[in-house]
Amino acid sequence: MNKKSVAKECINVILLLINIKIPSIVYDYYFKYSEGSYLQIAVIVEYSLTCIAWMILILYIIKVLNLKNKAGID
């Protein structure tokens, strides 16, 4: 693997971090104006999506570290 593929994966990690934050901002805005049972469902959905996104992020970080080791980048 070369430095370009490592850089590409690092960019993917940054984009994934942005994708984790955007739903949180949208849901926070939604929570301010929601009431009742829909609010509870929205909370469950937000936490589920956030957990999935963090798991994907961890897998990407592991992949990037493996690429760095194979490319010999410190």
N, C-alpha and C. Protein backbone atom coordinates (compact mmCIF):
# COMPACT_ATOMS: atom_id res chain seq x y z
N MET A 1 0.84 -1.19 0.00
CA MET A 1 0.00 0.00 0.00
C MET A 1 0.88 1.25 0.00
N ASN A 2 0.40 2.29 -0.64
CA ASN A 2 1.19 3.51 -0.70
C ASN A 2 0.55 4.61 0.14
N LYS A 3 1.22 5.76 0.15
CA LYS A 3 0.76 6.87 0.98
C LYS A 3 -0.57 7.43 0.49
N LYS A 4 -0.87 7.30 -0.82
CA LYS A 4 -2.13 7.82 -1.35
C LYS A 4 -3.32 7.07 -0.76
N SER A 5 -3.21 5.75 -0.64
CA SER A 5 -4.33 4.98 -0.10
C SER A 5 -4.52 5.27 1.38
N VAL A 6 -3.43 5.52 2.10
CA VAL A 6 -3.54 5.89 3.52
C VAL A 6 -4.22 7.25 3.64
N ALA A 7 -3.82 8.20 2.79
CA ALA A 7 -4.44 9.53 2.83
C ALA A 7 -5.92 9.45 2.48
N LYS A 8 -6.25 8.61 1.50
CA LYS A 8 -7.65 8.43 1.11
C LYS A 8 -8.47 7.89 2.28
N GLU A 9 -7.95 6.93 3.00
CA GLU A 9 -8.66 6.37 4.14
C GLU A 9 -8.78 7.38 5.27
N CYS A 10 -7.77 8.22 5.46
CA CYS A 10 -7.86 9.27 6.48
C CYS A 10 -8.97 10.26 6.14
N ILE A 11 -9.09 10.59 4.86
CA ILE A 11 -10.18 11.47 4.43
C ILE A 11 -11.53 10.81 4.68
N ASN A 12 -11.62 9.50 4.44
CA ASN A 12 -12.87 8.78 4.72
C ASN A 12 -13.22 8.84 6.20
N VAL A 13 -12.22 8.75 7.08
CA VAL A 13 -12.47 8.84 8.52
C VAL A 13 -13.00 10.22 8.88
N ILE A 14 -12.41 11.27 8.30
CA ILE A 14 -12.86 12.63 8.59
C ILE A 14 -14.30 12.82 8.11
N LEU A 15 -14.61 12.33 6.92
CA LEU A 15 -15.98 12.44 6.41
C LEU A 15 -16.95 11.67 7.29
N LEU A 16 -16.52 10.53 7.79
CA LEU A 16 -17.39 9.76 8.68
C LEU A 16 -17.65 10.51 9.97
N LEU A 17 -16.63 11.18 10.51
CA LEU A 17 -16.84 11.99 11.72
C LEU A 17 -17.85 13.10 11.46
N ILE A 18 -17.78 13.72 10.29
CA ILE A 18 -18.76 14.75 9.95
C ILE A 18 -20.15 14.13 9.87
N ASN A 19 -20.26 12.94 9.30
CA ASN A 19 -21.56 12.27 9.19
C ASN A 19 -22.11 11.86 10.55
N ILE A 20 -21.24 11.65 11.53
CA ILE A 20 -21.71 11.34 12.88
C ILE A 20 -22.31 12.59 13.51
N LYS A 21 -21.69 13.75 13.30
CA LYS A 21 -22.13 14.98 13.95
C LYS A 21 -23.41 15.53 13.35
N ILE A 22 -23.58 15.46 12.03
CA ILE A 22 -24.75 16.08 11.38
C ILE A 22 -26.07 15.51 11.90
N PRO A 23 -26.25 14.18 11.99
CA PRO A 23 -27.52 13.68 12.54
C PRO A 23 -27.75 14.13 13.98
N SER A 24 -26.69 14.24 14.77
CA SER A 24 -26.85 14.69 16.15
C SER A 24 -27.37 16.11 16.20
N ILE A 25 -26.86 16.97 15.33
CA ILE A 25 -27.33 18.36 15.29
C ILE A 25 -28.79 18.41 14.87
N VAL A 26 -29.16 17.62 13.85
CA VAL A 26 -30.55 17.60 13.38
C VAL A 26 -31.47 17.09 14.47
N TYR A 27 -31.09 16.01 15.14
CA TYR A 27 -31.94 15.46 16.19
C TYR A 27 -32.04 16.41 17.38
N ASP A 28 -30.95 17.08 17.73
CA ASP A 28 -31.02 18.06 18.82
C ASP A 28 -32.02 19.15 18.51
N TYR A 29 -32.02 19.62 17.27
CA TYR A 29 -32.99 20.64 16.85
C TYR A 29 -34.40 20.07 16.92
N TYR A 30 -34.57 18.81 16.49
CA TYR A 30 -35.89 18.17 16.50
C TYR A 30 -36.39 17.98 17.93
N PHE A 31 -35.49 17.63 18.85
CA PHE A 31 -35.88 17.40 20.24
C PHE A 31 -36.46 18.65 20.89
N LYS A 32 -35.95 19.81 20.50
CA LYS A 32 -36.42 21.05 21.12
C LYS A 32 -37.89 21.33 20.82
N TYR A 33 -38.38 20.80 19.68
CA TYR A 33 -39.74 21.10 19.26
C TYR A 33 -40.65 19.89 19.26
N SER A 34 -40.19 18.76 19.80
CA SER A 34 -40.99 17.53 19.82
C SER A 34 -41.50 17.25 21.22
N GLU A 35 -42.62 16.57 21.26
CA GLU A 35 -43.18 16.13 22.54
C GLU A 35 -43.85 14.78 22.35
N GLY A 36 -44.03 14.06 23.44
CA GLY A 36 -44.78 12.82 23.40
C GLY A 36 -43.95 11.61 23.01
N SER A 37 -44.66 10.59 22.50
CA SER A 37 -44.02 9.31 22.21
C SER A 37 -43.04 9.39 21.04
N TYR A 38 -43.25 10.33 20.13
CA TYR A 38 -42.32 10.47 19.01
C TYR A 38 -40.93 10.85 19.50
N LEU A 39 -40.88 11.58 20.59
CA LEU A 39 -39.59 11.98 21.14
C LEU A 39 -38.80 10.76 21.60
N GLN A 40 -39.47 9.82 22.26
CA GLN A 40 -38.79 8.61 22.73
C GLN A 40 -38.26 7.78 21.56
N ILE A 41 -39.05 7.68 20.50
CA ILE A 41 -38.61 6.94 19.31
C ILE A 41 -37.40 7.63 18.68
N ALA A 42 -37.45 8.96 18.61
CA ALA A 42 -36.35 9.71 18.02
C ALA A 42 -35.06 9.52 18.82
N VAL A 43 -35.17 9.46 20.14
CA VAL A 43 -34.00 9.24 20.98
C VAL A 43 -33.39 7.87 20.70
N ILE A 44 -34.22 6.86 20.61
CA ILE A 44 -33.73 5.51 20.33
C ILE A 44 -33.05 5.46 18.97
N VAL A 45 -33.67 6.08 17.98
CA VAL A 45 -33.09 6.10 16.63
C VAL A 45 -31.75 6.82 16.64
N GLU A 46 -31.68 7.96 17.32
CA GLU A 46 -30.42 8.72 17.36
C GLU A 46 -29.30 7.90 17.98
N TYR A 47 -29.58 7.27 19.12
CA TYR A 47 -28.54 6.48 19.78
C TYR A 47 -28.12 5.28 18.93
N SER A 48 -29.07 4.66 18.26
CA SER A 48 -28.74 3.52 17.40
C SER A 48 -27.84 3.95 16.24
N LEU A 49 -28.22 5.04 15.58
CA LEU A 49 -27.41 5.53 14.46
C LEU A 49 -26.02 5.96 14.92
N THR A 50 -25.96 6.59 16.07
CA THR A 50 -24.66 7.03 16.59
C THR A 50 -23.77 5.83 16.91
N CYS A 51 -24.33 4.79 17.52
CA CYS A 51 -23.55 3.59 17.83
C CYS A 51 -23.03 2.92 16.57
N ILE A 52 -23.88 2.83 15.56
CA ILE A 52 -23.46 2.23 14.29
C ILE A 52 -22.34 3.05 13.66
N ALA A 53 -22.50 4.37 13.67
CA ALA A 53 -21.49 5.24 13.07
C ALA A 53 -20.16 5.11 13.80
N TRP A 54 -20.19 5.03 15.13
CA TRP A 54 -18.94 4.89 15.89
C TRP A 54 -18.28 3.54 15.62
N MET A 55 -19.08 2.48 15.46
CA MET A 55 -18.50 1.18 15.13
C MET A 55 -17.80 1.22 13.78
N ILE A 56 -18.45 1.87 12.79
CA ILE A 56 -17.83 2.01 11.48
C ILE A 56 -16.55 2.82 11.57
N LEU A 57 -16.58 3.88 12.37
CA LEU A 57 -15.39 4.72 12.54
C LEU A 57 -14.23 3.92 13.12
N ILE A 58 -14.51 3.10 14.12
CA ILE A 58 -13.46 2.28 14.73
C ILE A 58 -12.88 1.32 13.70
N LEU A 59 -13.74 0.72 12.87
CA LEU A 59 -13.24 -0.18 11.83
C LEU A 59 -12.37 0.56 10.82
N TYR A 60 -12.77 1.79 10.45
CA TYR A 60 -11.95 2.59 9.54
C TYR A 60 -10.59 2.92 10.15
N ILE A 61 -10.58 3.27 11.43
CA ILE A 61 -9.31 3.59 12.08
C ILE A 61 -8.39 2.37 12.09
N ILE A 62 -8.95 1.21 12.38
CA ILE A 62 -8.15 -0.01 12.35
C ILE A 62 -7.61 -0.25 10.95
N LYS A 63 -8.45 -0.03 9.94
CA LYS A 63 -8.02 -0.22 8.55
C LYS A 63 -6.89 0.75 8.20
N VAL A 64 -7.02 2.01 8.61
CA VAL A 64 -5.98 3.00 8.33
C VAL A 64 -4.68 2.63 9.02
N LEU A 65 -4.76 2.19 10.27
CA LEU A 65 -3.54 1.78 10.98
C LEU A 65 -2.88 0.60 10.30
N ASN A 66 -3.68 -0.34 9.82
CA ASN A 66 -3.11 -1.48 9.09
C ASN A 66 -2.46 -1.03 7.80
N LEU A 67 -3.10 -0.09 7.08
CA LEU A 67 -2.51 0.43 5.84
C LEU A 67 -1.21 1.16 6.13
N LYS A 68 -1.19 1.94 7.23
CA LYS A 68 0.04 2.65 7.59
C LYS A 68 1.17 1.67 7.88
N ASN A 69 0.86 0.59 8.59
CA ASN A 69 1.89 -0.40 8.91
C ASN A 69 2.41 -1.07 7.64
N LYS A 70 1.52 -1.38 6.70
CA LYS A 70 1.94 -2.02 5.46
C LYS A 70 2.74 -1.07 4.58
N ALA A 71 2.40 0.24 4.64
CA ALA A 71 3.11 1.22 3.81
C ALA A 71 4.42 1.67 4.46
N GLY A 72 4.60 1.34 5.73
CA GLY A 72 5.81 1.75 6.44
C GLY A 72 5.83 3.21 6.81
N ILE A 73 4.64 3.77 7.06
CA ILE A 73 4.53 5.18 7.43
C ILE A 73 4.49 5.28 8.94
N ASP A 74 5.29 6.19 9.50
CA ASP A 74 5.31 6.37 10.96
C ASP A 74 4.33 7.43 11.37
